[in-house]
């Protein structure tokens, strides 16, 4: 069985990536905003048992792929490895 593609993602520092370049900061914000929406939508679906809300959460999960892949393909200047999602609530 072939292994899936892997990317050399570095360990996310405690507290998230410090002072990332603007492009990386934008990707982190896109990912974290979508991730927070997934969590809140799943919570609403579980609380109310609403299939439509669950479907909305699943659709939002798909929005995580683009920024996650871009992050994991972006090298960290002066360090080994690439950025990756930090799974943090949006800042600000």
PDB file of N, CA and C in Angstrom:
ATOM      1  N   UNK A   1       0.841  -1.166   0.000  1.00  0.00           N
ATOM      2  CA  UNK A   1       0.000   0.000   0.000  1.00  0.00           C
ATOM      3  C   UNK A   1       0.893   1.239   0.000  1.00  0.00           C
ATOM      4  N   UNK A   2       0.687   2.135  -0.953  1.00  0.00           N
ATOM      5  CA  UNK A   2       1.519   3.348  -1.003  1.00  0.00           C
ATOM      6  C   UNK A   2       1.161   4.314   0.135  1.00  0.00           C
ATOM      7  N   UNK A   3       2.188   4.955   0.640  1.00  0.00           N
ATOM      8  CA  UNK A   3       1.970   5.970   1.665  1.00  0.00           C
ATOM      9  C   UNK A   3       1.462   7.253   1.025  1.00  0.00           C
ATOM     10  N   UNK A   4       0.622   7.999   1.733  1.00  0.00           N
ATOM     11  CA  UNK A   4       0.159   9.283   1.181  1.00  0.00           C
ATOM     12  C   UNK A   4       1.300  10.298   1.169  1.00  0.00           C
ATOM     13  N   UNK A   5       1.139  11.329   0.362  1.00  0.00           N
ATOM     14  CA  UNK A   5       2.129  12.401   0.336  1.00  0.00           C
ATOM     15  C   UNK A   5       2.273  12.998   1.724  1.00  0.00           C
ATOM     16  N   UNK A   6       3.482  13.345   2.073  1.00  0.00           N
ATOM     17  CA  UNK A   6       3.741  13.996   3.357  1.00  0.00           C
ATOM     18  C   UNK A   6       4.515  15.276   3.085  1.00  0.00           C
ATOM     19  N   UNK A   7       4.357  16.217   3.952  1.00  0.00           N
ATOM     20  CA  UNK A   7       5.065  17.488   3.825  1.00  0.00           C
ATOM     21  C   UNK A   7       5.895  17.708   5.084  1.00  0.00           C
ATOM     22  N   UNK A   8       7.035  18.373   4.970  1.00  0.00           N
ATOM     23  CA  UNK A   8       7.924  18.554   6.125  1.00  0.00           C
ATOM     24  C   UNK A   8       7.460  19.677   7.053  1.00  0.00           C
ATOM     25  N   UNK A   9       6.265  19.524   7.594  1.00  0.00           N
ATOM     26  CA  UNK A   9       5.716  20.556   8.475  1.00  0.00           C
ATOM     27  C   UNK A   9       6.484  20.582   9.799  1.00  0.00           C
ATOM     28  N   UNK A  10       6.897  21.767  10.191  1.00  0.00           N
ATOM     29  CA  UNK A  10       7.587  21.943  11.468  1.00  0.00           C
ATOM     30  C   UNK A  10       6.568  21.917  12.610  1.00  0.00           C
ATOM     31  N   UNK A  11       7.060  21.653  13.798  1.00  0.00           N
ATOM     32  CA  UNK A  11       6.204  21.691  14.985  1.00  0.00           C
ATOM     33  C   UNK A  11       5.751  23.132  15.213  1.00  0.00           C
ATOM     34  N   UNK A  12       4.453  23.307  15.428  1.00  0.00           N
ATOM     35  CA  UNK A  12       3.906  24.652  15.682  1.00  0.00           C
ATOM     36  C   UNK A  12       4.333  25.070  17.089  1.00  0.00           C
ATOM     37  N   UNK A  13       4.957  26.234  17.230  1.00  0.00           N
ATOM     38  CA  UNK A  13       5.369  26.691  18.561  1.00  0.00           C
ATOM     39  C   UNK A  13       4.155  26.948  19.460  1.00  0.00           C
ATOM     40  N   UNK A  14       4.355  26.766  20.741  1.00  0.00           N
ATOM     41  CA  UNK A  14       3.305  27.094  21.710  1.00  0.00           C
ATOM     42  C   UNK A  14       2.889  28.542  21.476  1.00  0.00           C
ATOM     43  N   UNK A  15       1.624  28.788  21.362  1.00  0.00           N
ATOM     44  CA  UNK A  15       1.139  30.143  21.111  1.00  0.00           C
ATOM     45  C   UNK A  15       1.030  30.481  19.637  1.00  0.00           C
ATOM     46  N   UNK A  16       1.406  29.547  18.751  1.00  0.00           N
ATOM     47  CA  UNK A  16       1.284  29.800  17.316  1.00  0.00           C
ATOM     48  C   UNK A  16       2.573  30.336  16.720  1.00  0.00           C
ATOM     49  N   UNK A  17       2.514  30.573  15.410  1.00  0.00           N
ATOM     50  CA  UNK A  17       3.689  31.049  14.677  1.00  0.00           C
ATOM     51  C   UNK A  17       3.968  32.511  15.021  1.00  0.00           C
ATOM     52  N   UNK A  18       5.181  32.817  15.512  1.00  0.00           N
ATOM     53  CA  UNK A  18       5.500  34.202  15.845  1.00  0.00           C
ATOM     54  C   UNK A  18       5.883  35.011  14.602  1.00  0.00           C
ATOM     55  N   UNK A  19       5.269  36.136  14.423  1.00  0.00           N
ATOM     56  CA  UNK A  19       5.602  37.080  13.349  1.00  0.00           C
ATOM     57  C   UNK A  19       5.773  36.442  11.966  1.00  0.00           C
ATOM     58  N   UNK A  20       4.754  35.736  11.482  1.00  0.00           N
ATOM     59  CA  UNK A  20       4.884  35.142  10.152  1.00  0.00           C
ATOM     60  C   UNK A  20       4.818  36.217   9.070  1.00  0.00           C
ATOM     61  N   UNK A  21       5.352  35.924   7.882  1.00  0.00           N
ATOM     62  CA  UNK A  21       5.199  36.864   6.768  1.00  0.00           C
ATOM     63  C   UNK A  21       3.708  37.100   6.485  1.00  0.00           C
ATOM     64  N   UNK A  22       3.379  38.223   5.880  1.00  0.00           N
ATOM     65  CA  UNK A  22       1.975  38.595   5.679  1.00  0.00           C
ATOM     66  C   UNK A  22       1.183  37.525   4.933  1.00  0.00           C
ATOM     67  N   UNK A  23       1.757  36.937   3.892  1.00  0.00           N
ATOM     68  CA  UNK A  23       1.048  35.892   3.139  1.00  0.00           C
ATOM     69  C   UNK A  23       0.708  34.712   4.044  1.00  0.00           C
ATOM     70  N   UNK A  24       1.651  34.307   4.896  1.00  0.00           N
ATOM     71  CA  UNK A  24       1.425  33.203   5.837  1.00  0.00           C
ATOM     72  C   UNK A  24       0.386  33.620   6.877  1.00  0.00           C
ATOM     73  N   UNK A  25       0.470  34.844   7.367  1.00  0.00           N
ATOM     74  CA  UNK A  25      -0.515  35.327   8.342  1.00  0.00           C
ATOM     75  C   UNK A  25      -1.922  35.291   7.754  1.00  0.00           C
ATOM     76  N   UNK A  26      -2.047  35.653   6.487  1.00  0.00           N
ATOM     77  CA  UNK A  26      -3.360  35.614   5.825  1.00  0.00           C
ATOM     78  C   UNK A  26      -3.873  34.176   5.720  1.00  0.00           C
ATOM     79  N   UNK A  27      -2.997  33.242   5.359  1.00  0.00           N
ATOM     80  CA  UNK A  27      -3.397  31.834   5.271  1.00  0.00           C
ATOM     81  C   UNK A  27      -3.786  31.285   6.642  1.00  0.00           C
ATOM     82  N   UNK A  28      -3.019  31.640   7.663  1.00  0.00           N
ATOM     83  CA  UNK A  28      -3.342  31.212   9.019  1.00  0.00           C
ATOM     84  C   UNK A  28      -4.707  31.742   9.436  1.00  0.00           C
ATOM     85  N   UNK A  29      -4.978  32.995   9.108  1.00  0.00           N
ATOM     86  CA  UNK A  29      -6.270  33.587   9.454  1.00  0.00           C
ATOM     87  C   UNK A  29      -7.413  32.888   8.717  1.00  0.00           C
ATOM     88  N   UNK A  30      -7.214  32.613   7.422  1.00  0.00           N
ATOM     89  CA  UNK A  30      -8.243  31.894   6.649  1.00  0.00           C
ATOM     90  C   UNK A  30      -8.523  30.529   7.256  1.00  0.00           C
ATOM     91  N   UNK A  31      -7.459  29.795   7.571  1.00  0.00           N
ATOM     92  CA  UNK A  31      -7.628  28.464   8.153  1.00  0.00           C
ATOM     93  C   UNK A  31      -8.306  28.557   9.519  1.00  0.00           C
ATOM     94  N   UNK A  32      -7.776  29.401  10.391  1.00  0.00           N
ATOM     95  CA  UNK A  32      -8.304  29.489  11.751  1.00  0.00           C
ATOM     96  C   UNK A  32      -9.751  29.968  11.783  1.00  0.00           C
ATOM     97  N   UNK A  33     -10.108  30.889  10.887  1.00  0.00           N
ATOM     98  CA  UNK A  33     -11.497  31.361  10.811  1.00  0.00           C
ATOM     99  C   UNK A  33     -12.426  30.225  10.382  1.00  0.00           C
ATOM    100  N   UNK A  34     -12.019  29.477   9.366  1.00  0.00           N
ATOM    101  CA  UNK A  34     -12.833  28.335   8.914  1.00  0.00           C
ATOM    102  C   UNK A  34     -12.903  27.270  10.001  1.00  0.00           C
ATOM    103  N   UNK A  35     -11.798  26.999  10.675  1.00  0.00           N
ATOM    104  CA  UNK A  35     -11.764  25.993  11.732  1.00  0.00           C
ATOM    105  C   UNK A  35     -12.708  26.377  12.877  1.00  0.00           C
ATOM    106  N   UNK A  36     -12.680  27.643  13.273  1.00  0.00           N
ATOM    107  CA  UNK A  36     -13.588  28.102  14.334  1.00  0.00           C
ATOM    108  C   UNK A  36     -15.048  27.950  13.900  1.00  0.00           C
ATOM    109  N   UNK A  37     -15.321  28.221  12.624  1.00  0.00           N
ATOM    110  CA  UNK A  37     -16.688  28.062  12.111  1.00  0.00           C
ATOM    111  C   UNK A  37     -17.097  26.586  12.105  1.00  0.00           C
ATOM    112  N   UNK A  38     -16.184  25.702  11.738  1.00  0.00           N
ATOM    113  CA  UNK A  38     -16.480  24.269  11.778  1.00  0.00           C
ATOM    114  C   UNK A  38     -16.879  23.866  13.193  1.00  0.00           C
ATOM    115  N   UNK A  39     -16.078  24.270  14.167  1.00  0.00           N
ATOM    116  CA  UNK A  39     -16.362  23.887  15.549  1.00  0.00           C
ATOM    117  C   UNK A  39     -17.704  24.426  16.034  1.00  0.00           C
ATOM    118  N   UNK A  40     -17.976  25.696  15.761  1.00  0.00           N
ATOM    119  CA  UNK A  40     -19.236  26.279  16.231  1.00  0.00           C
ATOM    120  C   UNK A  40     -20.436  25.669  15.510  1.00  0.00           C
ATOM    121  N   UNK A  41     -20.274  25.362  14.225  1.00  0.00           N
ATOM    122  CA  UNK A  41     -21.371  24.767  13.464  1.00  0.00           C
ATOM    123  C   UNK A  41     -21.625  23.330  13.916  1.00  0.00           C
ATOM    124  N   UNK A  42     -20.558  22.572  14.188  1.00  0.00           N
ATOM    125  CA  UNK A  42     -20.736  21.219  14.716  1.00  0.00           C
ATOM    126  C   UNK A  42     -21.429  21.255  16.070  1.00  0.00           C
ATOM    127  N   UNK A  43     -21.026  22.187  16.918  1.00  0.00           N
ATOM    128  CA  UNK A  43     -21.664  22.315  18.227  1.00  0.00           C
ATOM    129  C   UNK A  43     -23.152  22.613  18.084  1.00  0.00           C
ATOM    130  N   UNK A  44     -23.498  23.489  17.163  1.00  0.00           N
ATOM    131  CA  UNK A  44     -24.910  23.814  16.931  1.00  0.00           C
ATOM    132  C   UNK A  44     -25.665  22.602  16.381  1.00  0.00           C
ATOM    133  N   UNK A  45     -25.032  21.845  15.495  1.00  0.00           N
ATOM    134  CA  UNK A  45     -25.687  20.655  14.927  1.00  0.00           C
ATOM    135  C   UNK A  45     -25.928  19.608  16.007  1.00  0.00           C
ATOM    136  N   UNK A  46     -24.944  19.397  16.863  1.00  0.00           N
ATOM    137  CA  UNK A  46     -25.106  18.397  17.918  1.00  0.00           C
ATOM    138  C   UNK A  46     -26.140  18.835  18.949  1.00  0.00           C
ATOM    139  N   UNK A  47     -26.161  20.125  19.246  1.00  0.00           N
ATOM    140  CA  UNK A  47     -27.115  20.629  20.246  1.00  0.00           C
ATOM    141  C   UNK A  47     -28.553  20.534  19.741  1.00  0.00           C
ATOM    142  N   UNK A  48     -28.752  20.778  18.441  1.00  0.00           N
ATOM    143  CA  UNK A  48     -30.106  20.800  17.908  1.00  0.00           C
ATOM    144  C   UNK A  48     -30.476  19.598  17.066  1.00  0.00           C
ATOM    145  N   UNK A  49     -29.529  18.733  16.785  1.00  0.00           N
ATOM    146  CA  UNK A  49     -29.813  17.567  15.967  1.00  0.00           C
ATOM    147  C   UNK A  49     -30.240  17.903  14.549  1.00  0.00           C
ATOM    148  N   UNK A  50     -29.720  19.005  14.024  1.00  0.00           N
ATOM    149  CA  UNK A  50     -30.145  19.506  12.721  1.00  0.00           C
ATOM    150  C   UNK A  50     -29.210  19.009  11.613  1.00  0.00           C
ATOM    151  N   UNK A  51     -29.742  18.221  10.683  1.00  0.00           N
ATOM    152  CA  UNK A  51     -28.935  17.673   9.590  1.00  0.00           C
ATOM    153  C   UNK A  51     -28.416  18.766   8.667  1.00  0.00           C
ATOM    154  N   UNK A  52     -29.185  19.816   8.450  1.00  0.00           N
ATOM    155  CA  UNK A  52     -28.741  20.895   7.571  1.00  0.00           C
ATOM    156  C   UNK A  52     -27.525  21.601   8.167  1.00  0.00           C
ATOM    157  N   UNK A  53     -27.540  21.814   9.477  1.00  0.00           N
ATOM    158  CA  UNK A  53     -26.406  22.458  10.136  1.00  0.00           C
ATOM    159  C   UNK A  53     -25.177  21.563  10.071  1.00  0.00           C
ATOM    160  N   UNK A  54     -25.376  20.262  10.228  1.00  0.00           N
ATOM    161  CA  UNK A  54     -24.260  19.324  10.104  1.00  0.00           C
ATOM    162  C   UNK A  54     -23.681  19.378   8.687  1.00  0.00           C
ATOM    163  N   UNK A  55     -24.530  19.439   7.690  1.00  0.00           N
ATOM    164  CA  UNK A  55     -24.072  19.559   6.306  1.00  0.00           C
ATOM    165  C   UNK A  55     -23.269  20.826   6.092  1.00  0.00           C
ATOM    166  N   UNK A  56     -23.684  21.903   6.732  1.00  0.00           N
ATOM    167  CA  UNK A  56     -22.943  23.165   6.635  1.00  0.00           C
ATOM    168  C   UNK A  56     -21.545  23.012   7.236  1.00  0.00           C
ATOM    169  N   UNK A  57     -21.437  22.297   8.349  1.00  0.00           N
ATOM    170  CA  UNK A  57     -20.127  22.068   8.974  1.00  0.00           C
ATOM    171  C   UNK A  57     -19.224  21.273   8.039  1.00  0.00           C
ATOM    172  N   UNK A  58     -19.783  20.260   7.400  1.00  0.00           N
ATOM    173  CA  UNK A  58     -18.994  19.436   6.481  1.00  0.00           C
ATOM    174  C   UNK A  58     -18.514  20.276   5.290  1.00  0.00           C
ATOM    175  N   UNK A  59     -19.376  21.126   4.766  1.00  0.00           N
ATOM    176  CA  UNK A  59     -18.960  21.999   3.654  1.00  0.00           C
ATOM    177  C   UNK A  59     -17.848  22.947   4.091  1.00  0.00           C
ATOM    178  N   UNK A  60     -17.953  23.457   5.304  1.00  0.00           N
ATOM    179  CA  UNK A  60     -16.932  24.364   5.817  1.00  0.00           C
ATOM    180  C   UNK A  60     -15.612  23.627   6.022  1.00  0.00           C
ATOM    181  N   UNK A  61     -15.679  22.346   6.397  1.00  0.00           N
ATOM    182  CA  UNK A  61     -14.448  21.553   6.560  1.00  0.00           C
ATOM    183  C   UNK A  61     -13.647  21.529   5.264  1.00  0.00           C
ATOM    184  N   UNK A  62     -14.346  21.498   4.155  1.00  0.00           N
ATOM    185  CA  UNK A  62     -13.654  21.471   2.863  1.00  0.00           C
ATOM    186  C   UNK A  62     -12.851  22.749   2.627  1.00  0.00           C
ATOM    187  N   UNK A  63     -13.271  23.847   3.247  1.00  0.00           N
ATOM    188  CA  UNK A  63     -12.555  25.121   3.097  1.00  0.00           C
ATOM    189  C   UNK A  63     -11.225  25.121   3.841  1.00  0.00           C
ATOM    190  N   UNK A  64     -10.990  24.111   4.681  1.00  0.00           N
ATOM    191  CA  UNK A  64      -9.725  24.036   5.415  1.00  0.00           C
ATOM    192  C   UNK A  64      -8.575  23.557   4.527  1.00  0.00           C
ATOM    193  N   UNK A  65      -8.897  22.781   3.509  1.00  0.00           N
ATOM    194  CA  UNK A  65      -7.862  22.141   2.704  1.00  0.00           C
ATOM    195  C   UNK A  65      -6.940  23.135   1.995  1.00  0.00           C
ATOM    196  N   UNK A  66      -7.510  24.115   1.322  1.00  0.00           N
ATOM    197  CA  UNK A  66      -6.701  25.064   0.549  1.00  0.00           C
ATOM    198  C   UNK A  66      -5.645  25.769   1.377  1.00  0.00           C
ATOM    199  N   UNK A  67      -6.043  26.491   2.432  1.00  0.00           N
ATOM    200  CA  UNK A  67      -5.016  27.184   3.213  1.00  0.00           C
ATOM    201  C   UNK A  67      -4.068  26.226   3.930  1.00  0.00           C
ATOM    202  N   UNK A  68      -4.558  25.057   4.347  1.00  0.00           N
ATOM    203  CA  UNK A  68      -3.678  24.100   5.026  1.00  0.00           C
ATOM    204  C   UNK A  68      -2.582  23.627   4.083  1.00  0.00           C
ATOM    205  N   UNK A  69      -2.958  23.268   2.867  1.00  0.00           N
ATOM    206  CA  UNK A  69      -1.955  22.807   1.901  1.00  0.00           C
ATOM    207  C   UNK A  69      -0.959  23.907   1.556  1.00  0.00           C
ATOM    208  N   UNK A  70      -1.449  25.119   1.351  1.00  0.00           N
ATOM    209  CA  UNK A  70      -0.532  26.221   1.040  1.00  0.00           C
ATOM    210  C   UNK A  70       0.456  26.448   2.172  1.00  0.00           C
ATOM    211  N   UNK A  71      -0.039  26.394   3.412  1.00  0.00           N
ATOM    212  CA  UNK A  71       0.855  26.566   4.564  1.00  0.00           C
ATOM    213  C   UNK A  71       1.908  25.466   4.599  1.00  0.00           C
ATOM    214  N   UNK A  72       1.484  24.221   4.411  1.00  0.00           N
ATOM    215  CA  UNK A  72       2.401  23.090   4.518  1.00  0.00           C
ATOM    216  C   UNK A  72       3.384  23.015   3.350  1.00  0.00           C
ATOM    217  N   UNK A  73       3.174  23.850   2.333  1.00  0.00           N
ATOM    218  CA  UNK A  73       4.101  23.920   1.212  1.00  0.00           C
ATOM    219  C   UNK A  73       4.956  25.196   1.249  1.00  0.00           C
ATOM    220  N   UNK A  74       4.840  25.950   2.333  1.00  0.00           N
ATOM    221  CA  UNK A  74       5.582  27.200   2.491  1.00  0.00           C
ATOM    222  C   UNK A  74       6.681  27.015   3.524  1.00  0.00           C
ATOM    223  N   UNK A  75       7.926  27.120   3.062  1.00  0.00           N
ATOM    224  CA  UNK A  75       9.060  26.969   3.965  1.00  0.00           C
ATOM    225  C   UNK A  75       9.175  28.116   4.957  1.00  0.00           C
ATOM    226  N   UNK A  76       9.735  27.803   6.100  1.00  0.00           N
ATOM    227  CA  UNK A  76       9.963  28.808   7.142  1.00  0.00           C
ATOM    228  C   UNK A  76      11.357  29.394   6.907  1.00  0.00           C
ATOM    229  N   UNK A  77      11.440  30.711   6.692  1.00  0.00           N
ATOM    230  CA  UNK A  77      12.752  31.323   6.450  1.00  0.00           C
ATOM    231  C   UNK A  77      13.718  31.074   7.614  1.00  0.00           C
ATOM    232  N   UNK A  78      14.906  30.575   7.272  1.00  0.00           N
ATOM    233  CA  UNK A  78      15.941  30.365   8.283  1.00  0.00           C
ATOM    234  C   UNK A  78      15.709  29.171   9.193  1.00  0.00           C
ATOM    235  N   UNK A  79      14.776  28.291   8.860  1.00  0.00           N
ATOM    236  CA  UNK A  79      14.499  27.132   9.712  1.00  0.00           C
ATOM    237  C   UNK A  79      14.233  25.907   8.851  1.00  0.00           C
ATOM    238  N   UNK A  80      14.312  24.744   9.455  1.00  0.00           N
ATOM    239  CA  UNK A  80      13.961  23.513   8.749  1.00  0.00           C
ATOM    240  C   UNK A  80      12.460  23.302   8.857  1.00  0.00           C
ATOM    241  N   UNK A  81      11.864  22.891   7.775  1.00  0.00           N
ATOM    242  CA  UNK A  81      10.443  22.575   7.792  1.00  0.00           C
ATOM    243  C   UNK A  81       9.590  23.685   7.225  1.00  0.00           C
ATOM    244  N   UNK A  82       8.317  23.382   7.146  1.00  0.00           N
ATOM    245  CA  UNK A  82       7.334  24.300   6.579  1.00  0.00           C
ATOM    246  C   UNK A  82       6.322  24.701   7.643  1.00  0.00           C
ATOM    247  N   UNK A  83       5.611  25.779   7.335  1.00  0.00           N
ATOM    248  CA  UNK A  83       4.510  26.184   8.191  1.00  0.00           C
ATOM    249  C   UNK A  83       3.413  25.133   8.127  1.00  0.00           C
ATOM    250  N   UNK A  84       2.439  25.282   8.982  1.00  0.00           N
ATOM    251  CA  UNK A  84       1.260  24.434   8.964  1.00  0.00           C
ATOM    252  C   UNK A  84       0.178  25.095   9.792  1.00  0.00           C
ATOM    253  N   UNK A  85      -1.032  24.565   9.748  1.00  0.00           N
ATOM    254  CA  UNK A  85      -2.119  25.133  10.537  1.00  0.00           C
ATOM    255  C   UNK A  85      -1.771  25.140  12.021  1.00  0.00           C
ATOM    256  N   UNK A  86      -2.279  26.144  12.711  1.00  0.00           N
ATOM    257  CA  UNK A  86      -2.007  26.235  14.143  1.00  0.00           C
ATOM    258  C   UNK A  86      -3.253  25.957  14.982  1.00  0.00           C
ATOM    259  N   UNK A  87      -4.410  25.813  14.329  1.00  0.00           N
ATOM    260  CA  UNK A  87      -5.661  25.448  15.014  1.00  0.00           C
ATOM    261  C   UNK A  87      -5.932  26.362  16.216  1.00  0.00           C
ATOM    262  N   UNK A  88      -5.916  27.663  15.956  1.00  0.00           N
ATOM    263  CA  UNK A  88      -6.165  28.655  17.002  1.00  0.00           C
ATOM    264  C   UNK A  88      -7.356  29.520  16.612  1.00  0.00           C
ATOM    265  N   UNK A  89      -8.069  30.033  17.598  1.00  0.00           N
ATOM    266  CA  UNK A  89      -9.147  30.973  17.258  1.00  0.00           C
ATOM    267  C   UNK A  89      -8.563  32.194  16.577  1.00  0.00           C
ATOM    268  N   UNK A  90      -9.316  32.792  15.648  1.00  0.00           N
ATOM    269  CA  UNK A  90      -8.822  34.010  14.989  1.00  0.00           C
ATOM    270  C   UNK A  90      -8.468  35.089  16.002  1.00  0.00           C
ATOM    271  N   UNK A  91      -7.393  35.781  15.728  1.00  0.00           N
ATOM    272  CA  UNK A  91      -6.930  36.857  16.615  1.00  0.00           C
ATOM    273  C   UNK A  91      -7.475  38.183  16.127  1.00  0.00           C
ATOM    274  N   UNK A  92      -8.235  38.834  16.964  1.00  0.00           N
ATOM    275  CA  UNK A  92      -8.601  40.168  16.574  1.00  0.00           C
ATOM    276  C   UNK A  92     -10.014  40.432  16.413  1.00  0.00           C
TER     277      UNK A  92
END
